[in-house]
Protein backbone atom coordinates (compact mmCIF):
# COMPACT_ATOMS: atom_id res chain seq x y z
CA ILE A 1 3.87 5.22 -5.01
CA CYS A 2 4.01 1.29 -4.88
CA MET A 3 3.76 1.53 -1.34
CA SER A 4 0.67 3.46 -1.14
CA THR A 5 -2.30 2.56 0.84
CA GLU A 6 -4.99 0.99 -1.34
CA ARG A 7 -7.47 -0.66 0.81
CA ILE A 8 -8.58 0.21 4.96
CA VAL A 9 -9.51 -2.57 6.51
CA VAL A 10 -11.54 -1.30 9.74
CA ASP A 11 -13.40 -3.52 12.53
CA SER A 12 -17.05 -2.39 12.17
CA ARG A 13 -17.17 -1.54 16.05
CA ILE A 14 -15.14 2.15 15.49
CA ALA A 15 -15.67 2.02 11.59
CA ASP A 16 -18.61 5.23 11.80
CA ASP A 17 -16.38 6.93 13.86
CA PHE A 18 -13.30 6.03 11.83
CA VAL A 19 -14.70 6.96 8.84
CA GLY A 20 -16.02 10.34 10.00
CA ARG A 21 -12.57 11.55 11.07
CA LEU A 22 -10.56 10.35 8.12
CA ALA A 23 -13.26 12.03 5.73
CA ALA A 24 -12.81 15.13 7.71
CA LYS A 25 -8.71 14.90 7.11
CA ALA A 26 -9.32 14.05 3.47
CA THR A 27 -11.46 16.27 2.78
CA SER A 28 -9.06 19.56 4.08
CA LEU A 29 -6.35 18.13 2.10
CA PRO A 30 -5.44 21.26 -0.32
CA LEU A 31 -5.63 19.68 -4.33
CA GLY A 32 -4.23 21.89 -7.14
CA ASP A 33 -0.97 22.63 -9.32
CA PRO A 34 1.87 22.83 -6.99
CA ARG A 35 3.58 25.08 -9.41
CA GLN A 36 0.39 27.66 -7.87
CA GLY A 37 1.09 27.13 -4.54
CA PRO A 38 1.45 24.74 -1.60
CA VAL A 39 -0.68 21.61 -2.04
CA VAL A 40 -1.17 17.89 -0.80
CA LEU A 41 -2.69 16.31 -3.93
CA GLY A 42 -1.57 17.66 -6.98
CA SER A 43 -1.99 16.00 -10.54
CA VAL A 44 -2.20 11.98 -11.02
CA VAL A 45 0.07 10.91 -13.79
CA ASP A 46 -2.17 11.68 -16.82
CA MET A 47 -5.94 11.41 -18.22
CA LYS A 48 -5.82 7.21 -18.35
CA ALA A 49 -5.21 7.44 -14.65
CA ALA A 50 -7.95 9.74 -14.14
CA GLN A 51 -10.28 7.51 -16.09
CA ARG A 52 -9.19 4.41 -14.07
CA CYS A 53 -9.83 6.14 -11.13
CA ASN A 54 -13.39 7.25 -12.14
CA ALA A 55 -13.98 3.61 -13.35
CA LEU A 56 -13.20 2.13 -10.10
CA ILE A 57 -15.78 4.49 -8.35
CA ASP A 58 -18.21 3.80 -11.15
CA ASP A 59 -18.15 0.27 -10.61
CA ALA A 60 -17.91 0.56 -6.53
CA LEU A 61 -21.10 2.81 -6.48
CA ALA A 62 -23.23 0.32 -8.76
CA LYS A 63 -22.41 -2.39 -6.65
CA GLY A 64 -23.46 -0.74 -3.47
CA ALA A 65 -20.45 1.30 -2.11
CA THR A 66 -21.00 4.79 -0.67
CA LEU A 67 -19.15 7.70 -1.45
CA VAL A 68 -17.80 9.21 1.21
CA CYS A 69 -16.20 12.32 -0.17
CA GLY A 70 -14.53 13.12 -3.40
CA GLY A 71 -15.63 11.76 -6.32
CA LYS A 72 -14.90 11.66 -10.33
CA SER A 73 -12.64 14.04 -12.00
CA GLU A 74 -12.85 15.11 -15.55
CA THR A 75 -9.10 16.15 -14.98
CA THR A 76 -5.61 14.86 -13.89
CA LEU A 77 -6.60 16.92 -10.47
CA PHE A 78 -8.14 14.39 -8.52
CA PRO A 79 -9.84 14.84 -4.87
CA ALA A 80 -9.20 12.63 -2.08
CA THR A 81 -11.55 10.06 -2.62
CA LEU A 82 -13.28 7.61 0.13
CA LEU A 83 -15.57 4.77 -0.73
CA ASP A 84 -17.01 2.93 2.17
CA HIS A 85 -18.52 -0.37 2.53
CA VAL A 86 -16.43 -1.86 -0.15
CA THR A 87 -16.72 -5.86 -0.81
CA PRO A 88 -14.87 -8.33 -2.68
CA ALA A 89 -17.27 -7.72 -5.74
CA MET A 90 -16.31 -4.50 -6.34
CA ARG A 91 -13.03 -3.92 -8.36
CA ILE A 92 -11.56 -1.64 -6.35
CA TYR A 93 -11.66 -4.10 -3.76
CA GLY A 94 -8.61 -5.99 -5.53
CA GLU A 95 -7.23 -3.37 -7.70
CA GLU A 96 -4.65 -0.35 -7.48
CA SER A 97 -6.36 3.07 -8.38
CA PHE A 98 -3.06 4.48 -8.73
CA GLY A 99 -4.88 7.43 -7.17
CA PRO A 100 -6.20 9.22 -4.15
CA VAL A 101 -9.20 6.82 -4.25
CA LYS A 102 -9.28 4.57 -1.30
CA ALA A 103 -11.38 1.51 -0.31
CA ILE A 104 -13.04 1.07 3.31
CA VAL A 105 -13.78 -2.42 3.98
CA ARG A 106 -15.66 -3.02 7.22
CA VAL A 107 -14.84 -6.25 8.96
CA ASP A 108 -15.96 -7.85 12.57
CA GLY A 109 -12.87 -8.92 14.58
CA GLU A 110 -9.13 -9.48 14.20
CA GLU A 111 -9.62 -12.49 12.14
CA ALA A 112 -11.92 -11.18 9.64
CA ALA A 113 -9.11 -8.44 9.55
CA ILE A 114 -6.36 -10.33 8.99
CA ALA A 115 -8.72 -12.66 6.05
CA CYS A 116 -9.31 -9.58 4.58
CA ALA A 117 -5.96 -7.77 4.34
CA ASN A 118 -4.52 -11.23 3.11
CA ASP A 119 -7.21 -11.33 0.47
CA ASN A 120 -5.79 -10.42 -2.70
CA PRO A 121 -2.56 -11.92 -4.62
CA TYR A 122 -0.44 -8.57 -3.67
CA GLY A 123 1.93 -8.29 -0.89
CA LEU A 124 4.44 -5.36 -0.92
CA SER A 125 3.64 -3.05 2.29
CA ALA A 126 1.21 -3.22 4.80
CA ALA A 127 0.27 -1.32 8.10
CA VAL A 128 -1.79 -2.18 11.25
CA PHE A 129 -3.14 0.25 13.71
CA THR A 130 -3.66 -0.40 17.48
CA GLY A 131 -3.65 0.89 21.14
CA ASP A 132 -2.07 -2.60 21.85
CA MET A 133 1.42 -3.00 21.21
CA ALA A 134 1.36 -6.71 21.63
CA ARG A 135 -2.00 -7.56 19.36
CA GLY A 136 -0.34 -5.04 16.65
CA TRP A 137 2.90 -7.14 16.62
CA ARG A 138 0.77 -10.34 16.53
CA VAL A 139 -1.49 -9.39 13.80
CA ALA A 140 1.41 -7.50 12.01
CA SER A 141 3.36 -10.84 11.83
CA ARG A 142 0.18 -13.04 10.42
CA ILE A 143 -0.03 -10.60 7.49
CA GLU A 144 1.32 -11.67 4.01
CA SER A 145 3.60 -8.63 2.83
CA GLY A 146 7.15 -8.02 2.70
CA ILE A 147 6.94 -4.98 4.72
CA CYS A 148 4.44 -4.42 7.68
CA HIS A 149 4.42 -1.17 10.28
CA VAL A 150 2.91 -0.97 13.19
CA ASN A 151 1.15 2.09 13.67
CA GLY A 152 3.21 3.80 11.05
CA PRO A 153 2.08 4.64 7.31
CA THR A 154 2.64 1.88 4.57
CA VAL A 155 4.82 4.61 2.83
CA HIS A 156 7.73 4.24 4.82
CA ASP A 157 11.21 3.12 3.33
CA GLU A 158 14.66 3.67 4.68
CA ALA A 159 17.89 2.53 2.31
CA GLN A 160 19.43 0.52 4.93
CA MET A 161 16.08 -1.62 5.09
CA PRO A 162 15.68 -4.83 3.13
CA PHE A 163 12.73 -3.36 0.58
CA GLY A 164 10.49 -6.06 -1.14
CA GLY A 165 7.52 -8.10 -1.31
CA VAL A 166 5.70 -11.52 -1.41
CA LYS A 167 3.00 -13.26 -3.77
CA ASN A 168 2.72 -10.93 -6.78
CA SER A 169 4.33 -8.15 -5.30
CA GLY A 170 8.17 -9.54 -6.26
CA TYR A 171 10.28 -11.77 -4.47
CA GLY A 172 13.82 -10.82 -3.32
CA ARG A 173 14.87 -7.82 -1.19
CA PHE A 174 17.11 -4.64 -1.99
CA GLY A 175 18.41 -2.05 0.19
CA GLY A 176 21.34 -2.63 2.81
CA ARG A 177 22.98 -5.83 2.83
CA ALA A 178 20.09 -7.44 1.06
CA GLY A 179 20.43 -4.84 -2.02
CA ILE A 180 24.44 -5.77 -2.00
CA GLU A 181 23.39 -9.74 -2.20
CA SER A 182 20.65 -9.06 -4.69
CA PHE A 183 22.64 -6.85 -6.92
CA THR A 184 25.88 -8.48 -7.07
CA GLU A 185 27.34 -11.91 -8.39
CA LEU A 186 29.21 -13.75 -5.55
CA ARG A 187 32.55 -15.08 -7.44
CA TRP A 188 35.55 -16.47 -6.23
CA LEU A 189 38.63 -15.39 -7.33
CA THR A 190 42.68 -16.67 -6.43
CA LEU A 191 46.07 -15.16 -7.10
CA GLN A 192 48.87 -17.36 -6.81
CA THR A 193 51.95 -15.63 -6.05
CA THR A 194 54.35 -18.40 -5.72
CA PRO A 195 55.05 -21.55 -7.62
CA ARG A 196 52.73 -24.55 -6.56
CA HIS A 197 54.35 -27.68 -5.24
CA TYR A 198 53.04 -30.68 -6.85
CA PRO A 199 54.10 -34.19 -5.97
CA PHE A 200 54.48 -35.52 -9.07
C-alpha cells in the first residue's frame, strides 16, 4: 500500500525497549497463503518484489544494519523483517521496500527525529506516536507529508478527507470536496430565456 510505513524513526532513549516489543509483535504475525487459513502476511506481488526486498536486506546488512527478525525469502511469502541501526548510507533508508521489510533509524531527540523524517524526496503519509498530544501535534506539523497522524497508523483513509502527498509523492488532493475540485473542470454556462435589450 502506498501509505505503508517504510522507515521507523525512534528516539535512542527508548529504542532498545521499542525494538524488542516490535520484534515480538512482528514474529507473531502469521505468514502464509490466505486461501489456506487466516494469515496476516500473505504473498508479496511477485518474485521481483521478493528479490527487491532481499537486495535491500543484503545492502543494509553489508553496511552495518542489524537483522532483528525475519530475513530473506526464496518465495513470495516474505516474513515480517526488521532492520535496526539503519543509516542514510543504506538503500532501505530512502527506498520503498514494497514488502514487509522495515528500517529502524535511531535518533537523539525531537529535532533529529524531525530531520530524519524529512530526509527523503517523498511525503505521502507519516505518523507520530507520543504520550504528549501537544508535542505530537507540534512534531506532526513540521513533518513534510501530505498526511500525518498522531498516535495512528500511516495507513488510514476516509473518502471525505483530502488525500495526497508533497514533494515526489505527488501534488493535488482527492477525496471529499478536494476530489470534486481535482477531478472536475469548472465552467460557466448561461441560458438566455428572453431577448436581450441592447441600447443601440
